[in-house]
Amino acid sequence: MKTEIPNASTSSTATVELTPTTIFDLLGNDHRRYTLHYLSQKVGAISLGDLAEQIAIWEDTPTYEQYERILTGLHHTHLPKLVAAGVVCYDVEAESIELLEIADQMLPHLQLVAPTDLQ
């Protein structure tokens, strides 16, 4: 079951813009920023497990317990919020995540915090 917003991938002539409030709300959480950063560095979809593992490594806590906590938080909280904003497509059954084109609007903001986040 894919959890993506309707018309997220249609080729409509209307340009959808993320509001500053939405952008800053999405970037206000470490795990969402890490998710967006990781997805912006990849081509195509990534697996939920790979994402959780990379976040645990960036947080210097790559234990199985931390991996499970991150995985659960992504699945239940952070990915649904990113899906609702229309910036990612999350296929729950395949456990794959893909960045949508609208997320390009967030990249300049994300690049400003990346050096601090990913030390």
PDB file of N, CA and C in Angstrom:
ATOM      1  N   MET A   1       0.838  -1.174   0.000  1.00  0.00           N
ATOM      2  CA  MET A   1       0.000   0.000   0.000  1.00  0.00           C
ATOM      3  C   MET A   1       0.885   1.240   0.000  1.00  0.00           C
ATOM      4  N   LYS A   2       0.761   2.034  -1.014  1.00  0.00           N
ATOM      5  CA  LYS A   2       1.522   3.276  -1.071  1.00  0.00           C
ATOM      6  C   LYS A   2       0.780   4.358  -0.318  1.00  0.00           C
ATOM      7  N   THR A   3       1.523   5.138   0.430  1.00  0.00           N
ATOM      8  CA  THR A   3       0.922   6.253   1.147  1.00  0.00           C
ATOM      9  C   THR A   3       1.490   7.541   0.579  1.00  0.00           C
ATOM     10  N   GLU A   4       0.900   7.976  -0.499  1.00  0.00           N
ATOM     11  CA  GLU A   4       1.339   9.223  -1.103  1.00  0.00           C
ATOM     12  C   GLU A   4       0.135  10.117  -1.296  1.00  0.00           C
ATOM     13  N   ILE A   5       0.388  11.402  -1.403  1.00  0.00           N
ATOM     14  CA  ILE A   5      -0.737  12.307  -1.538  1.00  0.00           C
ATOM     15  C   ILE A   5      -1.278  12.221  -2.959  1.00  0.00           C
ATOM     16  N   PRO A   6      -2.559  12.424  -3.135  1.00  0.00           N
ATOM     17  CA  PRO A   6      -3.141  12.393  -4.465  1.00  0.00           C
ATOM     18  C   PRO A   6      -2.520  13.464  -5.349  1.00  0.00           C
ATOM     19  N   ASN A   7      -2.348  13.136  -6.598  1.00  0.00           N
ATOM     20  CA  ASN A   7      -1.827  14.054  -7.610  1.00  0.00           C
ATOM     21  C   ASN A   7      -0.395  14.499  -7.349  1.00  0.00           C
ATOM     22  N   ALA A   8       0.343  13.793  -6.491  1.00  0.00           N
ATOM     23  CA  ALA A   8       1.720  14.188  -6.198  1.00  0.00           C
ATOM     24  C   ALA A   8       2.629  14.011  -7.399  1.00  0.00           C
ATOM     25  N   SER A   9       2.286  13.073  -8.271  1.00  0.00           N
ATOM     26  CA  SER A   9       3.162  12.830  -9.400  1.00  0.00           C
ATOM     27  C   SER A   9       2.520  13.207 -10.732  1.00  0.00           C
ATOM     28  N   THR A  10       1.414  13.915 -10.696  1.00  0.00           N
ATOM     29  CA  THR A  10       0.786  14.313 -11.942  1.00  0.00           C
ATOM     30  C   THR A  10       1.555  15.460 -12.553  1.00  0.00           C
ATOM     31  N   SER A  11       1.429  15.583 -13.857  1.00  0.00           N
ATOM     32  CA  SER A  11       2.163  16.641 -14.552  1.00  0.00           C
ATOM     33  C   SER A  11       1.242  17.827 -14.799  1.00  0.00           C
ATOM     34  N   SER A  12       0.725  18.368 -13.760  1.00  0.00           N
ATOM     35  CA  SER A  12      -0.154  19.525 -13.845  1.00  0.00           C
ATOM     36  C   SER A  12       0.680  20.778 -14.092  1.00  0.00           C
ATOM     37  N   THR A  13       0.079  21.755 -14.712  1.00  0.00           N
ATOM     38  CA  THR A  13       0.810  22.987 -14.991  1.00  0.00           C
ATOM     39  C   THR A  13       0.887  23.889 -13.767  1.00  0.00           C
ATOM     40  N   ALA A  14       0.031  23.659 -12.783  1.00  0.00           N
ATOM     41  CA  ALA A  14       0.067  24.465 -11.562  1.00  0.00           C
ATOM     42  C   ALA A  14       1.267  24.043 -10.714  1.00  0.00           C
ATOM     43  N   THR A  15       2.011  25.033 -10.240  1.00  0.00           N
ATOM     44  CA  THR A  15       3.166  24.755  -9.412  1.00  0.00           C
ATOM     45  C   THR A  15       2.741  24.792  -7.946  1.00  0.00           C
ATOM     46  N   VAL A  16       3.009  23.697  -7.260  1.00  0.00           N
ATOM     47  CA  VAL A  16       2.698  23.620  -5.840  1.00  0.00           C
ATOM     48  C   VAL A  16       3.929  24.075  -5.079  1.00  0.00           C
ATOM     49  N   GLU A  17       3.723  24.951  -4.114  1.00  0.00           N
ATOM     50  CA  GLU A  17       4.846  25.430  -3.317  1.00  0.00           C
ATOM     51  C   GLU A  17       4.625  25.076  -1.860  1.00  0.00           C
ATOM     52  N   LEU A  18       5.703  24.687  -1.213  1.00  0.00           N
ATOM     53  CA  LEU A  18       5.664  24.443   0.219  1.00  0.00           C
ATOM     54  C   LEU A  18       5.755  25.786   0.921  1.00  0.00           C
ATOM     55  N   THR A  19       4.947  25.964   1.949  1.00  0.00           N
ATOM     56  CA  THR A  19       5.001  27.215   2.701  1.00  0.00           C
ATOM     57  C   THR A  19       6.228  27.196   3.610  1.00  0.00           C
ATOM     58  N   PRO A  20       6.736  28.371   3.974  1.00  0.00           N
ATOM     59  CA  PRO A  20       7.855  28.408   4.925  1.00  0.00           C
ATOM     60  C   PRO A  20       7.526  27.683   6.229  1.00  0.00           C
ATOM     61  N   THR A  21       6.283  27.792   6.691  1.00  0.00           N
ATOM     62  CA  THR A  21       5.885  27.113   7.923  1.00  0.00           C
ATOM     63  C   THR A  21       6.024  25.602   7.772  1.00  0.00           C
ATOM     64  N   THR A  22       5.593  25.064   6.641  1.00  0.00           N
ATOM     65  CA  THR A  22       5.707  23.628   6.392  1.00  0.00           C
ATOM     66  C   THR A  22       7.164  23.207   6.314  1.00  0.00           C
ATOM     67  N   ILE A  23       7.958  23.958   5.586  1.00  0.00           N
ATOM     68  CA  ILE A  23       9.379  23.625   5.434  1.00  0.00           C
ATOM     69  C   ILE A  23      10.068  23.587   6.792  1.00  0.00           C
ATOM     70  N   PHE A  24       9.873  24.624   7.599  1.00  0.00           N
ATOM     71  CA  PHE A  24      10.558  24.678   8.891  1.00  0.00           C
ATOM     72  C   PHE A  24      10.009  23.649   9.870  1.00  0.00           C
ATOM     73  N   ASP A  25       8.722  23.340   9.762  1.00  0.00           N
ATOM     74  CA  ASP A  25       8.150  22.292  10.605  1.00  0.00           C
ATOM     75  C   ASP A  25       8.778  20.938  10.255  1.00  0.00           C
ATOM     76  N   LEU A  26       8.898  20.648   8.980  1.00  0.00           N
ATOM     77  CA  LEU A  26       9.491  19.375   8.553  1.00  0.00           C
ATOM     78  C   LEU A  26      10.965  19.290   8.932  1.00  0.00           C
ATOM     79  N   LEU A  27      11.670  20.396   8.829  1.00  0.00           N
ATOM     80  CA  LEU A  27      13.101  20.405   9.143  1.00  0.00           C
ATOM     81  C   LEU A  27      13.365  20.550  10.646  1.00  0.00           C
ATOM     82  N   GLY A  28      12.318  20.698  11.424  1.00  0.00           N
ATOM     83  CA  GLY A  28      12.465  20.906  12.858  1.00  0.00           C
ATOM     84  C   GLY A  28      12.793  19.652  13.655  1.00  0.00           C
ATOM     85  N   ASN A  29      12.844  18.514  13.001  1.00  0.00           N
ATOM     86  CA  ASN A  29      13.153  17.270  13.684  1.00  0.00           C
ATOM     87  C   ASN A  29      14.378  16.626  13.054  1.00  0.00           C
ATOM     88  N   ASP A  30      15.306  16.159  13.889  1.00  0.00           N
ATOM     89  CA  ASP A  30      16.548  15.550  13.389  1.00  0.00           C
ATOM     90  C   ASP A  30      16.290  14.391  12.435  1.00  0.00           C
ATOM     91  N   HIS A  31      15.390  13.494  12.796  1.00  0.00           N
ATOM     92  CA  HIS A  31      15.179  12.306  11.963  1.00  0.00           C
ATOM     93  C   HIS A  31      14.558  12.652  10.619  1.00  0.00           C
ATOM     94  N   ARG A  32      13.716  13.676  10.572  1.00  0.00           N
ATOM     95  CA  ARG A  32      13.184  14.099   9.269  1.00  0.00           C
ATOM     96  C   ARG A  32      14.279  14.765   8.441  1.00  0.00           C
ATOM     97  N   ARG A  33      15.126  15.581   9.082  1.00  0.00           N
ATOM     98  CA  ARG A  33      16.239  16.189   8.332  1.00  0.00           C
ATOM     99  C   ARG A  33      17.182  15.117   7.813  1.00  0.00           C
ATOM    100  N   TYR A  34      17.522  14.149   8.655  1.00  0.00           N
ATOM    101  CA  TYR A  34      18.396  13.057   8.212  1.00  0.00           C
ATOM    102  C   TYR A  34      17.761  12.301   7.050  1.00  0.00           C
ATOM    103  N   THR A  35      16.451  12.060   7.139  1.00  0.00           N
ATOM    104  CA  THR A  35      15.739  11.359   6.070  1.00  0.00           C
ATOM    105  C   THR A  35      15.829  12.138   4.767  1.00  0.00           C
ATOM    106  N   LEU A  36      15.536  13.415   4.821  1.00  0.00           N
ATOM    107  CA  LEU A  36      15.579  14.240   3.612  1.00  0.00           C
ATOM    108  C   LEU A  36      16.991  14.343   3.050  1.00  0.00           C
ATOM    109  N   HIS A  37      17.967  14.473   3.927  1.00  0.00           N
ATOM    110  CA  HIS A  37      19.347  14.538   3.461  1.00  0.00           C
ATOM    111  C   HIS A  37      19.742  13.230   2.769  1.00  0.00           C
ATOM    112  N   TYR A  38      19.453  12.112   3.397  1.00  0.00           N
ATOM    113  CA  TYR A  38      19.813  10.805   2.833  1.00  0.00           C
ATOM    114  C   TYR A  38      19.121  10.587   1.487  1.00  0.00           C
ATOM    115  N   LEU A  39      17.827  10.902   1.427  1.00  0.00           N
ATOM    116  CA  LEU A  39      17.094  10.739   0.176  1.00  0.00           C
ATOM    117  C   LEU A  39      17.620  11.655  -0.919  1.00  0.00           C
ATOM    118  N   SER A  40      18.040  12.857  -0.549  1.00  0.00           N
ATOM    119  CA  SER A  40      18.539  13.797  -1.559  1.00  0.00           C
ATOM    120  C   SER A  40      19.868  13.354  -2.153  1.00  0.00           C
ATOM    121  N   GLN A  41      20.558  12.438  -1.476  1.00  0.00           N
ATOM    122  CA  GLN A  41      21.839  11.932  -1.964  1.00  0.00           C
ATOM    123  C   GLN A  41      21.687  10.653  -2.794  1.00  0.00           C
ATOM    124  N   LYS A  42      20.476  10.121  -2.881  1.00  0.00           N
ATOM    125  CA  LYS A  42      20.224   8.855  -3.550  1.00  0.00           C
ATOM    126  C   LYS A  42      19.350   9.057  -4.778  1.00  0.00           C
ATOM    127  N   VAL A  43      19.477   8.132  -5.719  1.00  0.00           N
ATOM    128  CA  VAL A  43      18.618   8.133  -6.900  1.00  0.00           C
ATOM    129  C   VAL A  43      17.586   7.026  -6.709  1.00  0.00           C
ATOM    130  N   GLY A  44      16.315   7.387  -6.813  1.00  0.00           N
ATOM    131  CA  GLY A  44      15.257   6.401  -6.666  1.00  0.00           C
ATOM    132  C   GLY A  44      14.913   6.133  -5.214  1.00  0.00           C
ATOM    133  N   ALA A  45      14.205   5.025  -5.014  1.00  0.00           N
ATOM    134  CA  ALA A  45      13.719   4.670  -3.681  1.00  0.00           C
ATOM    135  C   ALA A  45      14.813   4.003  -2.854  1.00  0.00           C
ATOM    136  N   ILE A  46      14.700   4.168  -1.537  1.00  0.00           N
ATOM    137  CA  ILE A  46      15.614   3.504  -0.604  1.00  0.00           C
ATOM    138  C   ILE A  46      14.777   2.667   0.354  1.00  0.00           C
ATOM    139  N   SER A  47      15.417   1.737   1.022  1.00  0.00           N
ATOM    140  CA  SER A  47      14.676   0.905   1.970  1.00  0.00           C
ATOM    141  C   SER A  47      14.625   1.579   3.333  1.00  0.00           C
ATOM    142  N   LEU A  48      13.551   1.305   4.048  1.00  0.00           N
ATOM    143  CA  LEU A  48      13.375   1.841   5.395  1.00  0.00           C
ATOM    144  C   LEU A  48      14.507   1.377   6.306  1.00  0.00           C
ATOM    145  N   GLY A  49      14.923   0.128   6.178  1.00  0.00           N
ATOM    146  CA  GLY A  49      16.007  -0.409   7.000  1.00  0.00           C
ATOM    147  C   GLY A  49      17.322   0.306   6.762  1.00  0.00           C
ATOM    148  N   ASP A  50      17.637   0.576   5.486  1.00  0.00           N
ATOM    149  CA  ASP A  50      18.876   1.299   5.172  1.00  0.00           C
ATOM    150  C   ASP A  50      18.862   2.698   5.774  1.00  0.00           C
ATOM    151  N   LEU A  51      17.712   3.355   5.692  1.00  0.00           N
ATOM    152  CA  LEU A  51      17.584   4.701   6.247  1.00  0.00           C
ATOM    153  C   LEU A  51      17.780   4.687   7.760  1.00  0.00           C
ATOM    154  N   ALA A  52      17.110   3.773   8.449  1.00  0.00           N
ATOM    155  CA  ALA A  52      17.228   3.690   9.910  1.00  0.00           C
ATOM    156  C   ALA A  52      18.668   3.385  10.315  1.00  0.00           C
ATOM    157  N   GLU A  53      19.329   2.507   9.577  1.00  0.00           N
ATOM    158  CA  GLU A  53      20.722   2.174   9.882  1.00  0.00           C
ATOM    159  C   GLU A  53      21.625   3.389   9.715  1.00  0.00           C
ATOM    160  N   GLN A  54      21.429   4.145   8.642  1.00  0.00           N
ATOM    161  CA  GLN A  54      22.260   5.327   8.400  1.00  0.00           C
ATOM    162  C   GLN A  54      22.028   6.384   9.476  1.00  0.00           C
ATOM    163  N   ILE A  55      20.793   6.577   9.881  1.00  0.00           N
ATOM    164  CA  ILE A  55      20.512   7.548  10.943  1.00  0.00           C
ATOM    165  C   ILE A  55      21.195   7.133  12.239  1.00  0.00           C
ATOM    166  N   ALA A  56      21.137   5.859  12.580  1.00  0.00           N
ATOM    167  CA  ALA A  56      21.806   5.367  13.795  1.00  0.00           C
ATOM    168  C   ALA A  56      23.307   5.624  13.719  1.00  0.00           C
ATOM    169  N   ILE A  57      23.894   5.456  12.553  1.00  0.00           N
ATOM    170  CA  ILE A  57      25.332   5.717  12.372  1.00  0.00           C
ATOM    171  C   ILE A  57      25.621   7.198  12.552  1.00  0.00           C
ATOM    172  N   TRP A  58      24.802   8.061  11.954  1.00  0.00           N
ATOM    173  CA  TRP A  58      25.006   9.502  12.096  1.00  0.00           C
ATOM    174  C   TRP A  58      24.857   9.946  13.550  1.00  0.00           C
ATOM    175  N   GLU A  59      24.029   9.259  14.309  1.00  0.00           N
ATOM    176  CA  GLU A  59      23.835   9.612  15.718  1.00  0.00           C
ATOM    177  C   GLU A  59      24.859   8.935  16.623  1.00  0.00           C
ATOM    178  N   ASP A  60      25.796   8.214  16.051  1.00  0.00           N
ATOM    179  CA  ASP A  60      26.829   7.500  16.812  1.00  0.00           C
ATOM    180  C   ASP A  60      26.247   6.499  17.799  1.00  0.00           C
ATOM    181  N   THR A  61      25.091   5.936  17.466  1.00  0.00           N
ATOM    182  CA  THR A  61      24.475   4.914  18.322  1.00  0.00           C
ATOM    183  C   THR A  61      23.984   3.739  17.478  1.00  0.00           C
ATOM    184  N   PRO A  62      24.884   3.078  16.740  1.00  0.00           N
ATOM    185  CA  PRO A  62      24.431   2.006  15.846  1.00  0.00           C
ATOM    186  C   PRO A  62      24.184   0.668  16.556  1.00  0.00           C
ATOM    187  N   THR A  63      23.389   0.693  17.632  1.00  0.00           N
ATOM    188  CA  THR A  63      23.017  -0.556  18.298  1.00  0.00           C
ATOM    189  C   THR A  63      21.700  -1.045  17.705  1.00  0.00           C
ATOM    190  N   TYR A  64      21.410  -2.304  17.916  1.00  0.00           N
ATOM    191  CA  TYR A  64      20.169  -2.867  17.393  1.00  0.00           C
ATOM    192  C   TYR A  64      18.955  -2.188  18.026  1.00  0.00           C
ATOM    193  N   GLU A  65      19.031  -1.900  19.322  1.00  0.00           N
ATOM    194  CA  GLU A  65      17.920  -1.262  20.016  1.00  0.00           C
ATOM    195  C   GLU A  65      17.653   0.141  19.449  1.00  0.00           C
ATOM    196  N   GLN A  66      18.715   0.899  19.222  1.00  0.00           N
ATOM    197  CA  GLN A  66      18.549   2.240  18.654  1.00  0.00           C
ATOM    198  C   GLN A  66      18.019   2.156  17.232  1.00  0.00           C
ATOM    199  N   TYR A  67      18.506   1.200  16.454  1.00  0.00           N
ATOM    200  CA  TYR A  67      18.016   0.977  15.092  1.00  0.00           C
ATOM    201  C   TYR A  67      16.503   0.732  15.124  1.00  0.00           C
ATOM    202  N   GLU A  68      16.047  -0.113  16.030  1.00  0.00           N
ATOM    203  CA  GLU A  68      14.618  -0.433  16.148  1.00  0.00           C
ATOM    204  C   GLU A  68      13.805   0.796  16.553  1.00  0.00           C
ATOM    205  N   ARG A  69      14.332   1.604  17.477  1.00  0.00           N
ATOM    206  CA  ARG A  69      13.634   2.826  17.889  1.00  0.00           C
ATOM    207  C   ARG A  69      13.513   3.798  16.714  1.00  0.00           C
ATOM    208  N   ILE A  70      14.588   3.949  15.982  1.00  0.00           N
ATOM    209  CA  ILE A  70      14.577   4.853  14.826  1.00  0.00           C
ATOM    210  C   ILE A  70      13.598   4.341  13.778  1.00  0.00           C
ATOM    211  N   LEU A  71      13.644   3.055  13.493  1.00  0.00           N
ATOM    212  CA  LEU A  71      12.754   2.433  12.508  1.00  0.00           C
ATOM    213  C   LEU A  71      11.287   2.662  12.882  1.00  0.00           C
ATOM    214  N   THR A  72      10.966   2.454  14.139  1.00  0.00           N
ATOM    215  CA  THR A  72       9.589   2.635  14.608  1.00  0.00           C
ATOM    216  C   THR A  72       9.157   4.095  14.510  1.00  0.00           C
ATOM    217  N   GLY A  73      10.027   5.011  14.926  1.00  0.00           N
ATOM    218  CA  GLY A  73       9.709   6.432  14.839  1.00  0.00           C
ATOM    219  C   GLY A  73       9.513   6.898  13.408  1.00  0.00           C
ATOM    220  N   LEU A  74      10.349   6.410  12.511  1.00  0.00           N
ATOM    221  CA  LEU A  74      10.200   6.766  11.103  1.00  0.00           C
ATOM    222  C   LEU A  74       8.860   6.275  10.568  1.00  0.00           C
ATOM    223  N   HIS A  75       8.561   5.014  10.825  1.00  0.00           N
ATOM    224  CA  HIS A  75       7.348   4.397  10.285  1.00  0.00           C
ATOM    225  C   HIS A  75       6.076   5.042  10.820  1.00  0.00           C
ATOM    226  N   HIS A  76       6.027   5.321  12.110  1.00  0.00           N
ATOM    227  CA  HIS A  76       4.792   5.800  12.718  1.00  0.00           C
ATOM    228  C   HIS A  76       4.655   7.316  12.783  1.00  0.00           C
ATOM    229  N   THR A  77       5.749   8.035  12.760  1.00  0.00           N
ATOM    230  CA  THR A  77       5.674   9.485  12.960  1.00  0.00           C
ATOM    231  C   THR A  77       6.234  10.288  11.797  1.00  0.00           C
ATOM    232  N   HIS A  78       7.510  10.102  11.515  1.00  0.00           N
ATOM    233  CA  HIS A  78       8.206  11.006  10.601  1.00  0.00           C
ATOM    234  C   HIS A  78       7.845  10.802   9.129  1.00  0.00           C
ATOM    235  N   LEU A  79       7.788   9.573   8.672  1.00  0.00           N
ATOM    236  CA  LEU A  79       7.429   9.350   7.267  1.00  0.00           C
ATOM    237  C   LEU A  79       5.985   9.758   6.975  1.00  0.00           C
ATOM    238  N   PRO A  80       5.016   9.439   7.855  1.00  0.00           N
ATOM    239  CA  PRO A  80       3.664   9.939   7.584  1.00  0.00           C
ATOM    240  C   PRO A  80       3.586  11.471   7.500  1.00  0.00           C
ATOM    241  N   LYS A  81       4.370  12.150   8.309  1.00  0.00           N
ATOM    242  CA  LYS A  81       4.376  13.618   8.258  1.00  0.00           C
ATOM    243  C   LYS A  81       4.971  14.109   6.924  1.00  0.00           C
ATOM    244  N   LEU A  82       6.041  13.461   6.471  1.00  0.00           N
ATOM    245  CA  LEU A  82       6.646  13.827   5.183  1.00  0.00           C
ATOM    246  C   LEU A  82       5.714  13.485   4.020  1.00  0.00           C
ATOM    247  N   VAL A  83       4.989  12.386   4.140  1.00  0.00           N
ATOM    248  CA  VAL A  83       4.006  12.007   3.111  1.00  0.00           C
ATOM    249  C   VAL A  83       2.875  13.027   3.072  1.00  0.00           C
ATOM    250  N   ALA A  84       2.364  13.400   4.242  1.00  0.00           N
ATOM    251  CA  ALA A  84       1.263  14.369   4.312  1.00  0.00           C
ATOM    252  C   ALA A  84       1.646  15.710   3.693  1.00  0.00           C
ATOM    253  N   ALA A  85       2.920  16.077   3.810  1.00  0.00           N
ATOM    254  CA  ALA A  85       3.397  17.331   3.213  1.00  0.00           C
ATOM    255  C   ALA A  85       3.647  17.184   1.720  1.00  0.00           C
ATOM    256  N   GLY A  86       3.642  15.939   1.237  1.00  0.00           N
ATOM    257  CA  GLY A  86       3.817  15.702  -0.193  1.00  0.00           C
ATOM    258  C   GLY A  86       5.253  15.667  -0.660  1.00  0.00           C
ATOM    259  N   VAL A  87       6.212  15.506   0.254  1.00  0.00           N
ATOM    260  CA  VAL A  87       7.617  15.530  -0.156  1.00  0.00           C
ATOM    261  C   VAL A  87       8.218  14.144  -0.365  1.00  0.00           C
ATOM    262  N   VAL A  88       7.578  13.099   0.170  1.00  0.00           N
ATOM    263  CA  VAL A  88       8.053  11.735  -0.066  1.00  0.00           C
ATOM    264  C   VAL A  88       6.889  10.820  -0.391  1.00  0.00           C
ATOM    265  N   CYS A  89       7.221   9.709  -1.024  1.00  0.00           N
ATOM    266  CA  CYS A  89       6.293   8.613  -1.245  1.00  0.00           C
ATOM    267  C   CYS A  89       6.820   7.447  -0.418  1.00  0.00           C
ATOM    268  N   TYR A  90       5.973   6.893   0.436  1.00  0.00           N
ATOM    269  CA  TYR A  90       6.364   5.790   1.315  1.00  0.00           C
ATOM    270  C   TYR A  90       5.482   4.591   1.010  1.00  0.00           C
ATOM    271  N   ASP A  91       6.071   3.548   0.467  1.00  0.00           N
ATOM    272  CA  ASP A  91       5.364   2.302   0.192  1.00  0.00           C
ATOM    273  C   ASP A  91       5.527   1.424   1.424  1.00  0.00           C
ATOM    274  N   VAL A  92       4.472   1.313   2.208  1.00  0.00           N
ATOM    275  CA  VAL A  92       4.516   0.603   3.483  1.00  0.00           C
ATOM    276  C   VAL A  92       4.825  -0.871   3.290  1.00  0.00           C
ATOM    277  N   GLU A  93       4.186  -1.512   2.314  1.00  0.00           N
ATOM    278  CA  GLU A  93       4.391  -2.941   2.091  1.00  0.00           C
ATOM    279  C   GLU A  93       5.820  -3.257   1.651  1.00  0.00           C
ATOM    280  N   ALA A  94       6.355  -2.451   0.766  1.00  0.00           N
ATOM    281  CA  ALA A  94       7.728  -2.671   0.275  1.00  0.00           C
ATOM    282  C   ALA A  94       8.761  -2.041   1.204  1.00  0.00           C
ATOM    283  N   GLU A  95       8.302  -1.248   2.169  1.00  0.00           N
ATOM    284  CA  GLU A  95       9.177  -0.507   3.074  1.00  0.00           C
ATOM    285  C   GLU A  95      10.214   0.299   2.294  1.00  0.00           C
ATOM    286  N   SER A  96       9.729   1.034   1.280  1.00  0.00           N
ATOM    287  CA  SER A  96      10.621   1.869   0.484  1.00  0.00           C
ATOM    288  C   SER A  96      10.128   3.310   0.494  1.00  0.00           C
ATOM    289  N   ILE A  97      11.087   4.216   0.416  1.00  0.00           N
ATOM    290  CA  ILE A  97      10.813   5.645   0.491  1.00  0.00           C
ATOM    291  C   ILE A  97      11.471   6.312  -0.700  1.00  0.00           C
ATOM    292  N   GLU A  98      10.755   7.237  -1.295  1.00  0.00           N
ATOM    293  CA  GLU A  98      11.311   7.976  -2.431  1.00  0.00           C
ATOM    294  C   GLU A  98      11.003   9.454  -2.281  1.00  0.00           C
ATOM    295  N   LEU A  99      11.983  10.274  -2.572  1.00  0.00           N
ATOM    296  CA  LEU A  99      11.829  11.722  -2.513  1.00  0.00           C
ATOM    297  C   LEU A  99      11.065  12.189  -3.743  1.00  0.00           C
ATOM    298  N   LEU A 100      10.078  13.051  -3.552  1.00  0.00           N
ATOM    299  CA  LEU A 100       9.318  13.603  -4.666  1.00  0.00           C
ATOM    300  C   LEU A 100       9.912  14.946  -5.082  1.00  0.00           C
ATOM    301  N   GLU A 101       9.602  15.344  -6.283  1.00  0.00           N
ATOM    302  CA  GLU A 101      10.205  16.541  -6.869  1.00  0.00           C
ATOM    303  C   GLU A 101       9.961  17.815  -6.063  1.00  0.00           C
ATOM    304  N   ILE A 102       8.825  17.918  -5.416  1.00  0.00           N
ATOM    305  CA  ILE A 102       8.508  19.116  -4.629  1.00  0.00           C
ATOM    306  C   ILE A 102       9.521  19.342  -3.503  1.00  0.00           C
ATOM    307  N   ALA A 103      10.174  18.285  -3.059  1.00  0.00           N
ATOM    308  CA  ALA A 103      11.158  18.401  -1.977  1.00  0.00           C
ATOM    309  C   ALA A 103      12.355  19.254  -2.383  1.00  0.00           C
ATOM    310  N   ASP A 104      12.535  19.471  -3.680  1.00  0.00           N
ATOM    311  CA  ASP A 104      13.627  20.335  -4.138  1.00  0.00           C
ATOM    312  C   ASP A 104      13.529  21.726  -3.523  1.00  0.00           C
ATOM    313  N   GLN A 105      12.319  22.148  -3.188  1.00  0.00           N
ATOM    314  CA  GLN A 105      12.125  23.464  -2.560  1.00  0.00           C
ATOM    315  C   GLN A 105      12.762  23.528  -1.177  1.00  0.00           C
ATOM    316  N   MET A 106      12.973  22.377  -0.559  1.00  0.00           N
ATOM    317  CA  MET A 106      13.525  22.328   0.796  1.00  0.00           C
ATOM    318  C   MET A 106      15.049  22.220   0.801  1.00  0.00           C
ATOM    319  N   LEU A 107      15.632  21.827  -0.309  1.00  0.00           N
ATOM    320  CA  LEU A 107      17.066  21.533  -0.338  1.00  0.00           C
ATOM    321  C   LEU A 107      17.957  22.699   0.068  1.00  0.00           C
ATOM    322  N   PRO A 108      17.678  23.945  -0.340  1.00  0.00           N
ATOM    323  CA  PRO A 108      18.545  25.040   0.121  1.00  0.00           C
ATOM    324  C   PRO A 108      18.569  25.162   1.645  1.00  0.00           C
ATOM    325  N   HIS A 109      17.413  24.972   2.277  1.00  0.00           N
ATOM    326  CA  HIS A 109      17.333  25.041   3.741  1.00  0.00           C
ATOM    327  C   HIS A 109      18.054  23.850   4.360  1.00  0.00           C
ATOM    328  N   LEU A 110      17.889  22.707   3.759  1.00  0.00           N
ATOM    329  CA  LEU A 110      18.520  21.488   4.261  1.00  0.00           C
ATOM    330  C   LEU A 110      20.040  21.580   4.170  1.00  0.00           C
ATOM    331  N   GLN A 111      20.546  22.161   3.104  1.00  0.00           N
ATOM    332  CA  GLN A 111      21.990  22.289   2.923  1.00  0.00           C
ATOM    333  C   GLN A 111      22.609  23.225   3.960  1.00  0.00           C
ATOM    334  N   LEU A 112      21.822  24.175   4.464  1.00  0.00           N
ATOM    335  CA  LEU A 112      22.334  25.082   5.492  1.00  0.00           C
ATOM    336  C   LEU A 112      22.594  24.368   6.807  1.00  0.00           C
ATOM    337  N   VAL A 113      21.776  23.369   7.146  1.00  0.00           N
ATOM    338  CA  VAL A 113      21.936  22.669   8.412  1.00  0.00           C
ATOM    339  C   VAL A 113      22.736  21.373   8.299  1.00  0.00           C
ATOM    340  N   ALA A 114      22.948  20.887   7.092  1.00  0.00           N
ATOM    341  CA  ALA A 114      23.634  19.601   6.901  1.00  0.00           C
ATOM    342  C   ALA A 114      25.029  19.548   7.540  1.00  0.00           C
ATOM    343  N   PRO A 115      25.856  20.586   7.394  1.00  0.00           N
ATOM    344  CA  PRO A 115      27.188  20.492   8.012  1.00  0.00           C
ATOM    345  C   PRO A 115      27.134  20.326   9.530  1.00  0.00           C
ATOM    346  N   THR A 116      26.170  20.942  10.186  1.00  0.00           N
ATOM    347  CA  THR A 116      26.030  20.814  11.632  1.00  0.00           C
ATOM    348  C   THR A 116      25.451  19.453  12.003  1.00  0.00           C
ATOM    349  N   ASP A 117      24.454  18.995  11.253  1.00  0.00           N
ATOM    350  CA  ASP A 117      23.794  17.721  11.533  1.00  0.00           C
ATOM    351  C   ASP A 117      24.713  16.533  11.311  1.00  0.00           C
ATOM    352  N   LEU A 118      25.504  16.568  10.262  1.00  0.00           N
ATOM    353  CA  LEU A 118      26.237  15.389   9.820  1.00  0.00           C
ATOM    354  C   LEU A 118      27.714  15.482  10.113  1.00  0.00           C
ATOM    355  N   GLN A 119      28.060  15.909  11.307  1.00  0.00           N
ATOM    356  CA  GLN A 119      29.467  16.055  11.682  1.00  0.00           C
ATOM    357  C   GLN A 119      30.127  14.710  11.823  1.00  0.00           C
TER     358      GLN A 119
END
